[in-house]
Each structure stands twice: as C-alpha cells, then as structure tokens.
C-alpha cells in the first residue's frame, strides 16, 4: 500500500501546480501509470465526497461544527476517498491507467486490462 504521506505530498504538489490533479507527463512505467490513475480516482472521489457532505454544513456539521471541523473536514473527505479508491473505487482508475498507457505508448503486461 502506498505511503499516505508520499501520496499527500504528491497531491499537494499537483494541486499547487498550474494543472489541477495528478499529472501524467512523467509516467514512464505501468506501475507509475497505475499510481497516477489511482491518485486521480482518489482526487475525483474526494470532490464527490466533499460535495455529498456540503449539504450538512448548515447545521452542526458532521461532528458538531466549529473551527476544528472546518479545518479538518477536507482531510477527512480525502481519507474517505483514498480508502474508496484503494478498495476498487468506482472503476475509474483501471480505465484511466489503460488510457495513460495508450497515450504514453507503453504496452500493458500480459494479463492486464
């Protein structure tokens, strides 16, 4: 399983760049394509989860409200999304991986998608 600190650092770096989301420019191997595809799916799912919880912010929020909740609810949504993606997510990562590999001209290993 990927180191959560490295994953968070990667996403932070990508979010700070001109292009939001994980970048496919540096992908040279199938393993890198898989990592980027899963991180993109996690990023996508975190946006969905944040949207899902946005309707709950009117009252006491998820955990009673307050400054702490405001500061950390985004991190909670990211972690939910990482767990969802690591468990197979919505199947987006597999299709993304295949497309990244096709775009980069990298052949899939035998037995892969």
C-alpha atoms as a PDB file:
ATOM      1  CA  UNK A   1       0.000   0.000   0.000  1.00  0.00           C
ATOM      2  CA  UNK A   2       1.254   3.481  -0.821  1.00  0.00           C
ATOM      3  CA  UNK A   3       2.705   5.653   1.905  1.00  0.00           C
ATOM      4  CA  UNK A   4      -0.049   8.154   2.818  1.00  0.00           C
ATOM      5  CA  UNK A   5       2.482  10.929   3.421  1.00  0.00           C
ATOM      6  CA  UNK A   6       4.019  10.498  -0.021  1.00  0.00           C
ATOM      7  CA  UNK A   7       0.586  10.374  -1.590  1.00  0.00           C
ATOM      8  CA  UNK A   8      -0.493  13.544   0.217  1.00  0.00           C
ATOM      9  CA  UNK A   9       2.750  15.270  -0.747  1.00  0.00           C
ATOM     10  CA  UNK A  10       2.213  14.258  -4.378  1.00  0.00           C
ATOM     11  CA  UNK A  11      -1.355  15.567  -4.399  1.00  0.00           C
ATOM     12  CA  UNK A  12      -0.291  18.785  -2.690  1.00  0.00           C
ATOM     13  CA  UNK A  13       2.435  19.302  -5.278  1.00  0.00           C
ATOM     14  CA  UNK A  14      -0.010  18.648  -8.100  1.00  0.00           C
ATOM     15  CA  UNK A  15      -2.634  20.980  -6.667  1.00  0.00           C
ATOM     16  CA  UNK A  16      -0.040  23.739  -6.343  1.00  0.00           C
ATOM     17  CA  UNK A  17       0.973  23.358  -9.991  1.00  0.00           C
ATOM     18  CA  UNK A  18      -0.780  25.095 -12.864  1.00  0.00           C
ATOM     19  CA  UNK A  19      -2.688  21.919 -13.724  1.00  0.00           C
ATOM     20  CA  UNK A  20      -5.029  20.586 -11.021  1.00  0.00           C
ATOM     21  CA  UNK A  21      -4.933  16.864 -10.300  1.00  0.00           C
ATOM     22  CA  UNK A  22      -2.237  14.247 -10.833  1.00  0.00           C
ATOM     23  CA  UNK A  23      -0.019  14.736 -13.887  1.00  0.00           C
ATOM     24  CA  UNK A  24       0.695  12.071 -16.497  1.00  0.00           C
ATOM     25  CA  UNK A  25       3.684  13.882 -18.006  1.00  0.00           C
ATOM     26  CA  UNK A  26       6.294  11.940 -16.025  1.00  0.00           C
ATOM     27  CA  UNK A  27       4.704   8.483 -16.401  1.00  0.00           C
ATOM     28  CA  UNK A  28       7.212   6.050 -17.883  1.00  0.00           C
ATOM     29  CA  UNK A  29       6.127   2.663 -16.484  1.00  0.00           C
ATOM     30  CA  UNK A  30       2.953   0.708 -15.944  1.00  0.00           C
ATOM     31  CA  UNK A  31       3.376   0.980 -12.155  1.00  0.00           C
ATOM     32  CA  UNK A  32       3.601   4.778 -12.372  1.00  0.00           C
ATOM     33  CA  UNK A  33       0.502   4.844 -14.583  1.00  0.00           C
ATOM     34  CA  UNK A  34      -1.376   2.737 -12.041  1.00  0.00           C
ATOM     35  CA  UNK A  35      -0.300   5.025  -9.180  1.00  0.00           C
ATOM     36  CA  UNK A  36      -1.334   8.193 -11.041  1.00  0.00           C
ATOM     37  CA  UNK A  37      -4.656   6.651 -12.114  1.00  0.00           C
ATOM     38  CA  UNK A  38      -5.480   5.621  -8.545  1.00  0.00           C
ATOM     39  CA  UNK A  39      -4.483   9.049  -7.207  1.00  0.00           C
ATOM     40  CA  UNK A  40      -6.667  10.723  -9.828  1.00  0.00           C
ATOM     41  CA  UNK A  41      -9.598   8.493  -8.881  1.00  0.00           C
ATOM     42  CA  UNK A  42      -8.973   9.349  -5.227  1.00  0.00           C
ATOM     43  CA  UNK A  43      -8.902  13.072  -6.095  1.00  0.00           C
ATOM     44  CA  UNK A  44     -12.147  12.712  -8.063  1.00  0.00           C
ATOM     45  CA  UNK A  45     -13.819  10.772  -5.251  1.00  0.00           C
ATOM     46  CA  UNK A  46     -12.720  13.350  -2.677  1.00  0.00           C
ATOM     47  CA  UNK A  47     -14.507  16.033  -4.709  1.00  0.00           C
ATOM     48  CA  UNK A  48     -17.615  13.845  -4.795  1.00  0.00           C
ATOM     49  CA  UNK A  49     -17.464  13.154  -1.048  1.00  0.00           C
ATOM     50  CA  UNK A  50     -16.970  16.853  -0.255  1.00  0.00           C
ATOM     51  CA  UNK A  51     -19.998  17.657  -2.406  1.00  0.00           C
ATOM     52  CA  UNK A  52     -22.003  14.944  -0.673  1.00  0.00           C
ATOM     53  CA  UNK A  53     -21.261  16.419   2.764  1.00  0.00           C
ATOM     54  CA  UNK A  54     -21.724  20.050   1.699  1.00  0.00           C
ATOM     55  CA  UNK A  55     -25.451  19.912   2.459  1.00  0.00           C
ATOM     56  CA  UNK A  56     -24.700  19.009   6.078  1.00  0.00           C
ATOM     57  CA  UNK A  57     -22.750  22.182   6.814  1.00  0.00           C
ATOM     58  CA  UNK A  58     -25.865  24.281   7.514  1.00  0.00           C
ATOM     59  CA  UNK A  59     -26.460  22.871  10.993  1.00  0.00           C
ATOM     60  CA  UNK A  60     -23.890  21.424  13.325  1.00  0.00           C
ATOM     61  CA  UNK A  61     -21.895  19.770  10.540  1.00  0.00           C
ATOM     62  CA  UNK A  62     -20.674  16.206  10.615  1.00  0.00           C
ATOM     63  CA  UNK A  63     -19.204  16.395  14.110  1.00  0.00           C
ATOM     64  CA  UNK A  64     -20.865  19.314  15.825  1.00  0.00           C
ATOM     65  CA  UNK A  65     -19.347  22.197  13.879  1.00  0.00           C
ATOM     66  CA  UNK A  66     -16.672  24.615  14.988  1.00  0.00           C
ATOM     67  CA  UNK A  67     -13.323  25.779  13.658  1.00  0.00           C
ATOM     68  CA  UNK A  68     -11.733  22.352  14.032  1.00  0.00           C
ATOM     69  CA  UNK A  69     -14.329  20.741  11.840  1.00  0.00           C
ATOM     70  CA  UNK A  70     -13.924  23.442   9.217  1.00  0.00           C
ATOM     71  CA  UNK A  71     -10.163  22.937   9.248  1.00  0.00           C
ATOM     72  CA  UNK A  72     -10.159  19.153   9.098  1.00  0.00           C
ATOM     73  CA  UNK A  73     -13.309  18.084   7.237  1.00  0.00           C
ATOM     74  CA  UNK A  74     -11.474  18.347   3.895  1.00  0.00           C
ATOM     75  CA  UNK A  75      -8.801  15.984   5.174  1.00  0.00           C
ATOM     76  CA  UNK A  76     -11.466  13.551   6.330  1.00  0.00           C
ATOM     77  CA  UNK A  77     -13.072  13.629   2.884  1.00  0.00           C
ATOM     78  CA  UNK A  78      -9.664  12.982   1.274  1.00  0.00           C
ATOM     79  CA  UNK A  79      -9.107   9.982   3.529  1.00  0.00           C
ATOM     80  CA  UNK A  80     -12.565   8.584   2.730  1.00  0.00           C
ATOM     81  CA  UNK A  81     -11.741   8.939  -0.956  1.00  0.00           C
ATOM     82  CA  UNK A  82      -8.332   7.244  -0.592  1.00  0.00           C
ATOM     83  CA  UNK A  83      -9.954   4.278   1.140  1.00  0.00           C
ATOM     84  CA  UNK A  84     -12.666   4.069  -1.531  1.00  0.00           C
ATOM     85  CA  UNK A  85     -10.070   4.195  -4.333  1.00  0.00           C
ATOM     86  CA  UNK A  86      -7.801   1.623  -2.638  1.00  0.00           C
ATOM     87  CA  UNK A  87     -10.750  -0.772  -2.356  1.00  0.00           C
ATOM     88  CA  UNK A  88     -11.529  -0.544  -6.070  1.00  0.00           C
ATOM     89  CA  UNK A  89     -13.353   2.770  -6.125  1.00  0.00           C
ATOM     90  CA  UNK A  90     -15.816   3.223  -8.936  1.00  0.00           C
ATOM     91  CA  UNK A  91     -13.627   1.552 -11.555  1.00  0.00           C
ATOM     92  CA  UNK A  92     -12.255   4.801 -12.919  1.00  0.00           C
ATOM     93  CA  UNK A  93      -8.594   4.003 -12.164  1.00  0.00           C
ATOM     94  CA  UNK A  94      -8.499   0.915 -14.418  1.00  0.00           C
ATOM     95  CA  UNK A  95      -9.799   2.842 -17.410  1.00  0.00           C
ATOM     96  CA  UNK A  96      -7.516   5.790 -16.673  1.00  0.00           C
ATOM     97  CA  UNK A  97      -4.487   3.519 -16.401  1.00  0.00           C
ATOM     98  CA  UNK A  98      -5.211   1.979 -19.790  1.00  0.00           C
ATOM     99  CA  UNK A  99      -5.668   5.416 -21.356  1.00  0.00           C
ATOM    100  CA  UNK A 100      -2.498   6.818 -19.759  1.00  0.00           C
ATOM    101  CA  UNK A 101      -0.508   3.860 -21.041  1.00  0.00           C
ATOM    102  CA  UNK A 102      -2.004   4.263 -24.511  1.00  0.00           C
ATOM    103  CA  UNK A 103      -1.209   7.993 -24.547  1.00  0.00           C
ATOM    104  CA  UNK A 104       2.374   7.387 -23.391  1.00  0.00           C
ATOM    105  CA  UNK A 105       2.911   4.480 -25.803  1.00  0.00           C
ATOM    106  CA  UNK A 106       3.590   1.972 -23.019  1.00  0.00           C
ATOM    107  CA  UNK A 107       2.466  -1.624 -23.502  1.00  0.00           C
ATOM    108  CA  UNK A 108       0.461  -3.422 -20.820  1.00  0.00           C
ATOM    109  CA  UNK A 109       1.875  -6.521 -19.144  1.00  0.00           C
ATOM    110  CA  UNK A 110       0.214  -9.768 -20.157  1.00  0.00           C
ATOM    111  CA  UNK A 111      -2.958 -10.486 -18.207  1.00  0.00           C
ATOM    112  CA  UNK A 112      -3.711  -6.801 -17.625  1.00  0.00           C
ATOM    113  CA  UNK A 113      -6.639  -4.756 -18.951  1.00  0.00           C
END
